[in-house]
């Protein structure tokens, strides 16, 4: 019973700071992606790669800051859950990008 109480106190010790820091970093990454997309003079393909990198970093940030991926048994990360989520996210992102590019090409014709 004492172990349960200590783990509950440890969980509450994080406070809202972890969420505030995660939120601030998410806002910063989003603003950086917007700046790259709208105001940089980089080539289109370089912009897309940079935005994908920012999106990947933000997804990992949100998994660890908001979804508490390290608060499982013994502080271990749920690797299979992360790999499955990564697989689905890659399919959704690449599929969405592909559909938008095809739609853009058809719009120009």
PDB file of N, CA and C in Angstrom:
ATOM      1  N   UNK A   1       0.824  -1.184   0.000  1.00  0.00           N
ATOM      2  CA  UNK A   1       0.000   0.000   0.000  1.00  0.00           C
ATOM      3  C   UNK A   1       0.876   1.258   0.000  1.00  0.00           C
ATOM      4  N   UNK A   2       2.004   1.196   0.692  1.00  0.00           N
ATOM      5  CA  UNK A   2       2.886   2.359   0.758  1.00  0.00           C
ATOM      6  C   UNK A   2       3.478   2.669  -0.615  1.00  0.00           C
ATOM      7  N   UNK A   3       3.776   1.618  -1.413  1.00  0.00           N
ATOM      8  CA  UNK A   3       4.327   1.841  -2.744  1.00  0.00           C
ATOM      9  C   UNK A   3       3.336   2.584  -3.620  1.00  0.00           C
ATOM     10  N   UNK A   4       2.073   2.232  -3.524  1.00  0.00           N
ATOM     11  CA  UNK A   4       1.039   2.875  -4.325  1.00  0.00           C
ATOM     12  C   UNK A   4       0.932   4.359  -3.989  1.00  0.00           C
ATOM     13  N   UNK A   5       1.011   4.676  -2.702  1.00  0.00           N
ATOM     14  CA  UNK A   5       0.918   6.064  -2.269  1.00  0.00           C
ATOM     15  C   UNK A   5       2.106   6.878  -2.787  1.00  0.00           C
ATOM     16  N   UNK A   6       3.316   6.304  -2.738  1.00  0.00           N
ATOM     17  CA  UNK A   6       4.502   6.998  -3.211  1.00  0.00           C
ATOM     18  C   UNK A   6       4.443   7.249  -4.710  1.00  0.00           C
ATOM     19  N   UNK A   7       3.976   6.262  -5.478  1.00  0.00           N
ATOM     20  CA  UNK A   7       3.908   6.454  -6.924  1.00  0.00           C
ATOM     21  C   UNK A   7       2.869   7.505  -7.273  1.00  0.00           C
ATOM     22  N   UNK A   8       1.782   7.589  -6.502  1.00  0.00           N
ATOM     23  CA  UNK A   8       0.774   8.619  -6.729  1.00  0.00           C
ATOM     24  C   UNK A   8       1.348   9.994  -6.428  1.00  0.00           C
ATOM     25  N   UNK A   9       2.119  10.094  -5.355  1.00  0.00           N
ATOM     26  CA  UNK A   9       2.727  11.376  -5.015  1.00  0.00           C
ATOM     27  C   UNK A   9       3.765  11.776  -6.057  1.00  0.00           C
ATOM     28  N   UNK A  10       4.513  10.817  -6.579  1.00  0.00           N
ATOM     29  CA  UNK A  10       5.503  11.112  -7.600  1.00  0.00           C
ATOM     30  C   UNK A  10       4.819  11.626  -8.856  1.00  0.00           C
ATOM     31  N   UNK A  11       3.696  11.005  -9.214  1.00  0.00           N
ATOM     32  CA  UNK A  11       2.961  11.431 -10.400  1.00  0.00           C
ATOM     33  C   UNK A  11       2.437  12.853 -10.230  1.00  0.00           C
ATOM     34  N   UNK A  12       1.955  13.195  -9.048  1.00  0.00           N
ATOM     35  CA  UNK A  12       1.433  14.530  -8.812  1.00  0.00           C
ATOM     36  C   UNK A  12       2.551  15.560  -8.692  1.00  0.00           C
ATOM     37  N   UNK A  13       3.776  15.126  -8.410  1.00  0.00           N
ATOM     38  CA  UNK A  13       4.881  16.052  -8.241  1.00  0.00           C
ATOM     39  C   UNK A  13       5.251  16.750  -9.552  1.00  0.00           C
ATOM     40  N   UNK A  14       4.894  16.137 -10.689  1.00  0.00           N
ATOM     41  CA  UNK A  14       5.186  16.782 -11.966  1.00  0.00           C
ATOM     42  C   UNK A  14       4.471  18.119 -12.068  1.00  0.00           C
ATOM     43  N   UNK A  15       3.264  18.177 -11.563  1.00  0.00           N
ATOM     44  CA  UNK A  15       2.483  19.398 -11.629  1.00  0.00           C
ATOM     45  C   UNK A  15       2.155  19.759 -13.062  1.00  0.00           C
ATOM     46  N   UNK A  16       1.716  20.970 -13.267  1.00  0.00           N
ATOM     47  CA  UNK A  16       1.350  21.366 -14.635  1.00  0.00           C
ATOM     48  C   UNK A  16       2.534  21.807 -15.482  1.00  0.00           C
ATOM     49  N   UNK A  17       3.734  21.869 -14.886  1.00  0.00           N
ATOM     50  CA  UNK A  17       4.881  22.399 -15.631  1.00  0.00           C
ATOM     51  C   UNK A  17       5.225  21.569 -16.843  1.00  0.00           C
ATOM     52  N   UNK A  18       5.090  20.264 -16.739  1.00  0.00           N
ATOM     53  CA  UNK A  18       5.386  19.413 -17.891  1.00  0.00           C
ATOM     54  C   UNK A  18       4.421  19.733 -19.038  1.00  0.00           C
ATOM     55  N   UNK A  19       3.169  19.958 -18.716  1.00  0.00           N
ATOM     56  CA  UNK A  19       2.187  20.283 -19.748  1.00  0.00           C
ATOM     57  C   UNK A  19       2.406  21.692 -20.309  1.00  0.00           C
ATOM     58  N   UNK A  20       2.778  22.624 -19.452  1.00  0.00           N
ATOM     59  CA  UNK A  20       3.024  23.992 -19.912  1.00  0.00           C
ATOM     60  C   UNK A  20       4.231  24.037 -20.840  1.00  0.00           C
ATOM     61  N   UNK A  21       5.297  23.346 -20.475  1.00  0.00           N
ATOM     62  CA  UNK A  21       6.492  23.305 -21.325  1.00  0.00           C
ATOM     63  C   UNK A  21       6.177  22.624 -22.650  1.00  0.00           C
ATOM     64  N   UNK A  22       5.448  21.510 -22.599  1.00  0.00           N
ATOM     65  CA  UNK A  22       5.069  20.813 -23.830  1.00  0.00           C
ATOM     66  C   UNK A  22       4.212  21.679 -24.726  1.00  0.00           C
ATOM     67  N   UNK A  23       3.265  22.405 -24.141  1.00  0.00           N
ATOM     68  CA  UNK A  23       2.402  23.294 -24.914  1.00  0.00           C
ATOM     69  C   UNK A  23       3.213  24.414 -25.557  1.00  0.00           C
ATOM     70  N   UNK A  24       4.112  25.016 -24.796  1.00  0.00           N
ATOM     71  CA  UNK A  24       4.942  26.108 -25.327  1.00  0.00           C
ATOM     72  C   UNK A  24       5.827  25.607 -26.469  1.00  0.00           C
ATOM     73  N   UNK A  25       6.429  24.429 -26.304  1.00  0.00           N
ATOM     74  CA  UNK A  25       7.266  23.872 -27.375  1.00  0.00           C
ATOM     75  C   UNK A  25       6.440  23.536 -28.606  1.00  0.00           C
ATOM     76  N   UNK A  26       5.216  23.072 -28.412  1.00  0.00           N
ATOM     77  CA  UNK A  26       4.340  22.777 -29.551  1.00  0.00           C
ATOM     78  C   UNK A  26       3.997  24.052 -30.320  1.00  0.00           C
ATOM     79  N   UNK A  27       3.720  25.124 -29.590  1.00  0.00           N
ATOM     80  CA  UNK A  27       3.424  26.413 -30.232  1.00  0.00           C
ATOM     81  C   UNK A  27       4.647  26.903 -31.009  1.00  0.00           C
ATOM     82  N   UNK A  28       5.817  26.796 -30.411  1.00  0.00           N
ATOM     83  CA  UNK A  28       7.050  27.239 -31.076  1.00  0.00           C
ATOM     84  C   UNK A  28       7.293  26.446 -32.349  1.00  0.00           C
ATOM     85  N   UNK A  29       7.142  25.119 -32.283  1.00  0.00           N
ATOM     86  CA  UNK A  29       7.337  24.292 -33.477  1.00  0.00           C
ATOM     87  C   UNK A  29       6.324  24.631 -34.569  1.00  0.00           C
ATOM     88  N   UNK A  30       5.089  24.893 -34.180  1.00  0.00           N
ATOM     89  CA  UNK A  30       4.068  25.269 -35.156  1.00  0.00           C
ATOM     90  C   UNK A  30       4.404  26.602 -35.813  1.00  0.00           C
ATOM     91  N   UNK A  31       4.822  27.568 -35.014  1.00  0.00           N
ATOM     92  CA  UNK A  31       5.184  28.869 -35.573  1.00  0.00           C
ATOM     93  C   UNK A  31       6.408  28.774 -36.481  1.00  0.00           C
ATOM     94  N   UNK A  32       7.366  27.937 -36.128  1.00  0.00           N
ATOM     95  CA  UNK A  32       8.524  27.727 -37.001  1.00  0.00           C
ATOM     96  C   UNK A  32       8.108  27.111 -38.334  1.00  0.00           C
ATOM     97  N   UNK A  33       7.198  26.150 -38.287  1.00  0.00           N
ATOM     98  CA  UNK A  33       6.712  25.531 -39.520  1.00  0.00           C
ATOM     99  C   UNK A  33       5.962  26.541 -40.386  1.00  0.00           C
ATOM    100  N   UNK A  34       5.169  27.407 -39.763  1.00  0.00           N
ATOM    101  CA  UNK A  34       4.456  28.444 -40.508  1.00  0.00           C
ATOM    102  C   UNK A  34       5.446  29.419 -41.132  1.00  0.00           C
ATOM    103  N   UNK A  35       6.471  29.797 -40.385  1.00  0.00           N
ATOM    104  CA  UNK A  35       7.476  30.700 -40.928  1.00  0.00           C
ATOM    105  C   UNK A  35       8.188  30.079 -42.124  1.00  0.00           C
ATOM    106  N   UNK A  36       8.556  28.812 -41.996  1.00  0.00           N
ATOM    107  CA  UNK A  36       9.227  28.125 -43.107  1.00  0.00           C
ATOM    108  C   UNK A  36       8.316  28.087 -44.330  1.00  0.00           C
ATOM    109  N   UNK A  37       7.045  27.807 -44.113  1.00  0.00           N
ATOM    110  CA  UNK A  37       6.116  27.683 -45.234  1.00  0.00           C
ATOM    111  C   UNK A  37       5.827  29.026 -45.904  1.00  0.00           C
ATOM    112  N   UNK A  38       5.692  30.083 -45.119  1.00  0.00           N
ATOM    113  CA  UNK A  38       5.231  31.349 -45.686  1.00  0.00           C
ATOM    114  C   UNK A  38       6.338  32.353 -46.005  1.00  0.00           C
ATOM    115  N   UNK A  39       7.386  32.385 -45.218  1.00  0.00           N
ATOM    116  CA  UNK A  39       8.331  33.483 -45.340  1.00  0.00           C
ATOM    117  C   UNK A  39       9.749  33.091 -45.755  1.00  0.00           C
ATOM    118  N   UNK A  40      10.068  31.812 -45.800  1.00  0.00           N
ATOM    119  CA  UNK A  40      11.430  31.438 -46.189  1.00  0.00           C
ATOM    120  C   UNK A  40      11.528  31.351 -47.710  1.00  0.00           C
ATOM    121  N   UNK A  41      12.733  31.483 -48.200  1.00  0.00           N
ATOM    122  CA  UNK A  41      12.971  31.434 -49.645  1.00  0.00           C
ATOM    123  C   UNK A  41      13.546  30.082 -50.066  1.00  0.00           C
ATOM    124  N   UNK A  42      13.314  29.073 -49.267  1.00  0.00           N
ATOM    125  CA  UNK A  42      13.820  27.742 -49.580  1.00  0.00           C
ATOM    126  C   UNK A  42      13.018  27.118 -50.714  1.00  0.00           C
ATOM    127  N   UNK A  43      13.601  26.114 -51.348  1.00  0.00           N
ATOM    128  CA  UNK A  43      12.917  25.373 -52.399  1.00  0.00           C
ATOM    129  C   UNK A  43      11.716  24.620 -51.801  1.00  0.00           C
ATOM    130  N   UNK A  44      10.710  24.364 -52.618  1.00  0.00           N
ATOM    131  CA  UNK A  44       9.483  23.718 -52.152  1.00  0.00           C
ATOM    132  C   UNK A  44       9.764  22.368 -51.486  1.00  0.00           C
ATOM    133  N   UNK A  45      10.612  21.550 -52.093  1.00  0.00           N
ATOM    134  CA  UNK A  45      10.881  20.223 -51.523  1.00  0.00           C
ATOM    135  C   UNK A  45      11.614  20.322 -50.188  1.00  0.00           C
ATOM    136  N   UNK A  46      12.475  21.309 -50.030  1.00  0.00           N
ATOM    137  CA  UNK A  46      13.178  21.507 -48.762  1.00  0.00           C
ATOM    138  C   UNK A  46      12.193  21.954 -47.685  1.00  0.00           C
ATOM    139  N   UNK A  47      11.262  22.832 -48.058  1.00  0.00           N
ATOM    140  CA  UNK A  47      10.228  23.264 -47.110  1.00  0.00           C
ATOM    141  C   UNK A  47       9.407  22.081 -46.616  1.00  0.00           C
ATOM    142  N   UNK A  48       9.033  21.203 -47.539  1.00  0.00           N
ATOM    143  CA  UNK A  48       8.221  20.044 -47.165  1.00  0.00           C
ATOM    144  C   UNK A  48       8.979  19.143 -46.200  1.00  0.00           C
ATOM    145  N   UNK A  49      10.246  18.901 -46.458  1.00  0.00           N
ATOM    146  CA  UNK A  49      11.057  18.055 -45.579  1.00  0.00           C
ATOM    147  C   UNK A  49      11.184  18.694 -44.199  1.00  0.00           C
ATOM    148  N   UNK A  50      11.433  19.996 -44.147  1.00  0.00           N
ATOM    149  CA  UNK A  50      11.568  20.682 -42.858  1.00  0.00           C
ATOM    150  C   UNK A  50      10.262  20.628 -42.082  1.00  0.00           C
ATOM    151  N   UNK A  51       9.146  20.834 -42.750  1.00  0.00           N
ATOM    152  CA  UNK A  51       7.845  20.790 -42.074  1.00  0.00           C
ATOM    153  C   UNK A  51       7.556  19.388 -41.570  1.00  0.00           C
ATOM    154  N   UNK A  52       7.906  18.356 -42.354  1.00  0.00           N
ATOM    155  CA  UNK A  52       7.736  16.975 -41.884  1.00  0.00           C
ATOM    156  C   UNK A  52       8.593  16.708 -40.647  1.00  0.00           C
ATOM    157  N   UNK A  53       9.795  17.236 -40.628  1.00  0.00           N
ATOM    158  CA  UNK A  53      10.670  17.049 -39.458  1.00  0.00           C
ATOM    159  C   UNK A  53      10.062  17.732 -38.235  1.00  0.00           C
ATOM    160  N   UNK A  54       9.580  18.970 -38.400  1.00  0.00           N
ATOM    161  CA  UNK A  54       8.917  19.659 -37.289  1.00  0.00           C
ATOM    162  C   UNK A  54       7.695  18.882 -36.806  1.00  0.00           C
ATOM    163  N   UNK A  55       6.924  18.320 -37.756  1.00  0.00           N
ATOM    164  CA  UNK A  55       5.731  17.554 -37.385  1.00  0.00           C
ATOM    165  C   UNK A  55       6.109  16.296 -36.608  1.00  0.00           C
ATOM    166  N   UNK A  56       7.177  15.614 -37.018  1.00  0.00           N
ATOM    167  CA  UNK A  56       7.627  14.416 -36.311  1.00  0.00           C
ATOM    168  C   UNK A  56       8.088  14.773 -34.895  1.00  0.00           C
ATOM    169  N   UNK A  57       8.853  15.838 -34.771  1.00  0.00           N
ATOM    170  CA  UNK A  57       9.320  16.263 -33.449  1.00  0.00           C
ATOM    171  C   UNK A  57       8.135  16.620 -32.561  1.00  0.00           C
ATOM    172  N   UNK A  58       7.156  17.316 -33.127  1.00  0.00           N
ATOM    173  CA  UNK A  58       5.998  17.708 -32.337  1.00  0.00           C
ATOM    174  C   UNK A  58       5.170  16.492 -31.932  1.00  0.00           C
ATOM    175  N   UNK A  59       5.052  15.509 -32.812  1.00  0.00           N
ATOM    176  CA  UNK A  59       4.314  14.290 -32.454  1.00  0.00           C
ATOM    177  C   UNK A  59       5.007  13.559 -31.303  1.00  0.00           C
ATOM    178  N   UNK A  60       6.316  13.433 -31.361  1.00  0.00           N
ATOM    179  CA  UNK A  60       7.051  12.776 -30.280  1.00  0.00           C
ATOM    180  C   UNK A  60       6.940  13.586 -28.984  1.00  0.00           C
ATOM    181  N   UNK A  61       7.028  14.897 -29.095  1.00  0.00           N
ATOM    182  CA  UNK A  61       6.879  15.767 -27.933  1.00  0.00           C
ATOM    183  C   UNK A  61       5.525  15.548 -27.274  1.00  0.00           C
ATOM    184  N   UNK A  62       4.474  15.500 -28.066  1.00  0.00           N
ATOM    185  CA  UNK A  62       3.142  15.318 -27.506  1.00  0.00           C
ATOM    186  C   UNK A  62       2.956  13.925 -26.919  1.00  0.00           C
ATOM    187  N   UNK A  63       3.571  12.911 -27.539  1.00  0.00           N
ATOM    188  CA  UNK A  63       3.479  11.569 -26.965  1.00  0.00           C
ATOM    189  C   UNK A  63       4.087  11.515 -25.573  1.00  0.00           C
ATOM    190  N   UNK A  64       5.222  12.153 -25.395  1.00  0.00           N
ATOM    191  CA  UNK A  64       5.909  12.065 -24.108  1.00  0.00           C
ATOM    192  C   UNK A  64       5.418  13.093 -23.096  1.00  0.00           C
ATOM    193  N   UNK A  65       5.013  14.269 -23.546  1.00  0.00           N
ATOM    194  CA  UNK A  65       4.591  15.310 -22.601  1.00  0.00           C
ATOM    195  C   UNK A  65       3.121  15.178 -22.203  1.00  0.00           C
ATOM    196  N   UNK A  66       2.253  14.834 -23.159  1.00  0.00           N
ATOM    197  CA  UNK A  66       0.820  14.828 -22.891  1.00  0.00           C
ATOM    198  C   UNK A  66       0.242  13.428 -22.737  1.00  0.00           C
ATOM    199  N   UNK A  67       0.763  12.471 -23.479  1.00  0.00           N
ATOM    200  CA  UNK A  67       0.209  11.113 -23.436  1.00  0.00           C
ATOM    201  C   UNK A  67       0.911  10.248 -22.391  1.00  0.00           C
ATOM    202  N   UNK A  68       1.916  10.779 -21.727  1.00  0.00           N
ATOM    203  CA  UNK A  68       2.600  10.121 -20.608  1.00  0.00           C
ATOM    204  C   UNK A  68       3.113   8.722 -20.999  1.00  0.00           C
ATOM    205  N   UNK A  69       3.855   8.664 -22.076  1.00  0.00           N
ATOM    206  CA  UNK A  69       4.352   7.380 -22.575  1.00  0.00           C
ATOM    207  C   UNK A  69       5.355   6.725 -21.622  1.00  0.00           C
ATOM    208  N   UNK A  70       5.962   7.475 -20.743  1.00  0.00           N
ATOM    209  CA  UNK A  70       6.955   6.900 -19.827  1.00  0.00           C
ATOM    210  C   UNK A  70       6.389   6.633 -18.446  1.00  0.00           C
ATOM    211  N   UNK A  71       5.092   6.749 -18.276  1.00  0.00           N
ATOM    212  CA  UNK A  71       4.511   6.536 -16.950  1.00  0.00           C
ATOM    213  C   UNK A  71       3.870   5.159 -16.827  1.00  0.00           C
ATOM    214  N   UNK A  72       4.390   4.196 -17.555  1.00  0.00           N
ATOM    215  CA  UNK A  72       3.890   2.829 -17.457  1.00  0.00           C
ATOM    216  C   UNK A  72       4.575   2.103 -16.312  1.00  0.00           C
ATOM    217  N   UNK A  73       4.632   0.794 -16.433  1.00  0.00           N
ATOM    218  CA  UNK A  73       5.277  -0.011 -15.399  1.00  0.00           C
ATOM    219  C   UNK A  73       6.775   0.258 -15.410  1.00  0.00           C
ATOM    220  N   UNK A  74       7.313   0.597 -14.281  1.00  0.00           N
ATOM    221  CA  UNK A  74       8.751   0.834 -14.076  1.00  0.00           C
ATOM    222  C   UNK A  74       9.291   1.944 -14.971  1.00  0.00           C
ATOM    223  N   UNK A  75       8.463   2.829 -15.471  1.00  0.00           N
ATOM    224  CA  UNK A  75       8.927   3.937 -16.294  1.00  0.00           C
ATOM    225  C   UNK A  75       9.365   3.539 -17.687  1.00  0.00           C
ATOM    226  N   UNK A  76       9.003   2.328 -18.121  1.00  0.00           N
ATOM    227  CA  UNK A  76       9.400   1.869 -19.449  1.00  0.00           C
ATOM    228  C   UNK A  76       8.456   2.435 -20.503  1.00  0.00           C
ATOM    229  N   UNK A  77       9.013   2.667 -21.680  1.00  0.00           N
ATOM    230  CA  UNK A  77       8.238   3.191 -22.795  1.00  0.00           C
ATOM    231  C   UNK A  77       7.535   2.038 -23.503  1.00  0.00           C
ATOM    232  N   UNK A  78       6.280   2.259 -23.884  1.00  0.00           N
ATOM    233  CA  UNK A  78       5.502   1.264 -24.608  1.00  0.00           C
ATOM    234  C   UNK A  78       5.945   1.285 -26.067  1.00  0.00           C
ATOM    235  N   UNK A  79       6.966   0.497 -26.401  1.00  0.00           N
ATOM    236  CA  UNK A  79       7.574   0.519 -27.721  1.00  0.00           C
ATOM    237  C   UNK A  79       6.607   0.073 -28.810  1.00  0.00           C
ATOM    238  N   UNK A  80       5.865  -0.979 -28.573  1.00  0.00           N
ATOM    239  CA  UNK A  80       4.949  -1.461 -29.613  1.00  0.00           C
ATOM    240  C   UNK A  80       3.852  -0.435 -29.884  1.00  0.00           C
ATOM    241  N   UNK A  81       3.385   0.243 -28.873  1.00  0.00           N
ATOM    242  CA  UNK A  81       2.385   1.291 -29.069  1.00  0.00           C
ATOM    243  C   UNK A  81       2.928   2.447 -29.879  1.00  0.00           C
ATOM    244  N   UNK A  82       4.166   2.829 -29.606  1.00  0.00           N
ATOM    245  CA  UNK A  82       4.788   3.926 -30.351  1.00  0.00           C
ATOM    246  C   UNK A  82       5.003   3.526 -31.799  1.00  0.00           C
ATOM    247  N   UNK A  83       5.477   2.305 -32.038  1.00  0.00           N
ATOM    248  CA  UNK A  83       5.704   1.862 -33.412  1.00  0.00           C
ATOM    249  C   UNK A  83       4.408   1.785 -34.202  1.00  0.00           C
ATOM    250  N   UNK A  84       3.336   1.303 -33.574  1.00  0.00           N
ATOM    251  CA  UNK A  84       2.053   1.247 -34.256  1.00  0.00           C
ATOM    252  C   UNK A  84       1.538   2.653 -34.552  1.00  0.00           C
ATOM    253  N   UNK A  85       1.635   3.552 -33.583  1.00  0.00           N
ATOM    254  CA  UNK A  85       1.194   4.933 -33.797  1.00  0.00           C
ATOM    255  C   UNK A  85       2.021   5.609 -34.885  1.00  0.00           C
ATOM    256  N   UNK A  86       3.318   5.338 -34.906  1.00  0.00           N
ATOM    257  CA  UNK A  86       4.193   5.894 -35.932  1.00  0.00           C
ATOM    258  C   UNK A  86       3.820   5.373 -37.314  1.00  0.00           C
ATOM    259  N   UNK A  87       3.526   4.087 -37.414  1.00  0.00           N
ATOM    260  CA  UNK A  87       3.117   3.478 -38.674  1.00  0.00           C
ATOM    261  C   UNK A  87       1.831   4.123 -39.194  1.00  0.00           C
ATOM    262  N   UNK A  88       0.841   4.261 -38.338  1.00  0.00           N
ATOM    263  CA  UNK A  88      -0.436   4.872 -38.740  1.00  0.00           C
ATOM    264  C   UNK A  88      -0.224   6.341 -39.111  1.00  0.00           C
ATOM    265  N   UNK A  89       0.578   7.055 -38.339  1.00  0.00           N
ATOM    266  CA  UNK A  89       0.823   8.473 -38.624  1.00  0.00           C
ATOM    267  C   UNK A  89       1.524   8.651 -39.966  1.00  0.00           C
ATOM    268  N   UNK A  90       2.489   7.797 -40.258  1.00  0.00           N
ATOM    269  CA  UNK A  90       3.191   7.892 -41.541  1.00  0.00           C
ATOM    270  C   UNK A  90       2.233   7.651 -42.691  1.00  0.00           C
ATOM    271  N   UNK A  91       1.374   6.655 -42.557  1.00  0.00           N
ATOM    272  CA  UNK A  91       0.396   6.385 -43.610  1.00  0.00           C
ATOM    273  C   UNK A  91      -0.537   7.575 -43.795  1.00  0.00           C
ATOM    274  N   UNK A  92      -1.029   8.144 -42.714  1.00  0.00           N
ATOM    275  CA  UNK A  92      -1.955   9.279 -42.800  1.00  0.00           C
ATOM    276  C   UNK A  92      -1.267  10.500 -43.401  1.00  0.00           C
ATOM    277  N   UNK A  93      -0.052  10.803 -42.957  1.00  0.00           N
ATOM    278  CA  UNK A  93       0.648  11.994 -43.435  1.00  0.00           C
ATOM    279  C   UNK A  93       1.018  11.849 -44.908  1.00  0.00           C
ATOM    280  N   UNK A  94       1.619  10.730 -45.276  1.00  0.00           N
ATOM    281  CA  UNK A  94       2.017  10.539 -46.675  1.00  0.00           C
ATOM    282  C   UNK A  94       0.785  10.449 -47.572  1.00  0.00           C
ATOM    283  N   UNK A  95      -0.254   9.773 -47.110  1.00  0.00           N
ATOM    284  CA  UNK A  95      -1.487   9.692 -47.891  1.00  0.00           C
ATOM    285  C   UNK A  95      -2.128  11.051 -48.075  1.00  0.00           C
ATOM    286  N   UNK A  96      -2.169  11.851 -47.032  1.00  0.00           N
ATOM    287  CA  UNK A  96      -2.753  13.199 -47.134  1.00  0.00           C
ATOM    288  C   UNK A  96      -1.938  14.068 -48.076  1.00  0.00           C
ATOM    289  N   UNK A  97      -0.619  13.983 -47.956  1.00  0.00           N
ATOM    290  CA  UNK A  97       0.248  14.769 -48.837  1.00  0.00           C
ATOM    291  C   UNK A  97       0.048  14.348 -50.289  1.00  0.00           C
ATOM    292  N   UNK A  98      -0.041  13.047 -50.525  1.00  0.00           N
ATOM    293  CA  UNK A  98      -0.235  12.533 -51.876  1.00  0.00           C
ATOM    294  C   UNK A  98      -1.560  13.024 -52.453  1.00  0.00           C
ATOM    295  N   UNK A  99      -2.625  12.954 -51.670  1.00  0.00           N
ATOM    296  CA  UNK A  99      -3.938  13.407 -52.139  1.00  0.00           C
ATOM    297  C   UNK A  99      -3.914  14.906 -52.439  1.00  0.00           C
ATOM    298  N   UNK A 100      -3.254  15.681 -51.591  1.00  0.00           N
ATOM    299  CA  UNK A 100      -3.191  17.123 -51.840  1.00  0.00           C
ATOM    300  C   UNK A 100      -2.382  17.445 -53.092  1.00  0.00           C
ATOM    301  N   UNK A 101      -1.299  16.736 -53.322  1.00  0.00           N
ATOM    302  CA  UNK A 101      -0.490  16.967 -54.521  1.00  0.00           C
ATOM    303  C   UNK A 101      -1.256  16.592 -55.779  1.00  0.00           C
ATOM    304  N   UNK A 102      -1.955  15.474 -55.772  1.00  0.00           N
ATOM    305  CA  UNK A 102      -2.756  15.058 -56.923  1.00  0.00           C
ATOM    306  C   UNK A 102      -3.870  16.076 -57.162  1.00  0.00           C
ATOM    307  N   UNK A 103      -4.519  16.529 -56.093  1.00  0.00           N
ATOM    308  CA  UNK A 103      -5.560  17.545 -56.223  1.00  0.00           C
ATOM    309  C   UNK A 103      -5.017  18.844 -56.770  1.00  0.00           C
ATOM    310  N   UNK A 104      -3.818  19.205 -56.356  1.00  0.00           N
ATOM    311  CA  UNK A 104      -3.194  20.440 -56.835  1.00  0.00           C
ATOM    312  C   UNK A 104      -2.843  20.307 -58.315  1.00  0.00           C
ATOM    313  N   UNK A 105      -2.343  19.143 -58.712  1.00  0.00           N
ATOM    314  CA  UNK A 105      -2.003  18.920 -60.115  1.00  0.00           C
ATOM    315  C   UNK A 105      -3.266  18.972 -60.977  1.00  0.00           C
ATOM    316  N   UNK A 106      -4.370  18.385 -60.520  1.00  0.00           N
ATOM    317  CA  UNK A 106      -5.609  18.408 -61.282  1.00  0.00           C
ATOM    318  C   UNK A 106      -6.189  19.822 -61.342  1.00  0.00           C
ATOM    319  N   UNK A 107      -5.959  20.605 -60.316  1.00  0.00           N
ATOM    320  CA  UNK A 107      -6.451  21.980 -60.300  1.00  0.00           C
ATOM    321  C   UNK A 107      -5.711  22.833 -61.327  1.00  0.00           C
ATOM    322  N   UNK A 108      -4.432  22.556 -61.527  1.00  0.00           N
ATOM    323  CA  UNK A 108      -3.639  23.345 -62.479  1.00  0.00           C
ATOM    324  C   UNK A 108      -3.962  23.006 -63.916  1.00  0.00           C
ATOM    325  N   UNK A 109      -4.495  21.833 -64.182  1.00  0.00           N
ATOM    326  CA  UNK A 109      -4.775  21.432 -65.563  1.00  0.00           C
ATOM    327  C   UNK A 109      -5.960  22.105 -66.127  1.00  0.00           C
TER     328      UNK A 109
END
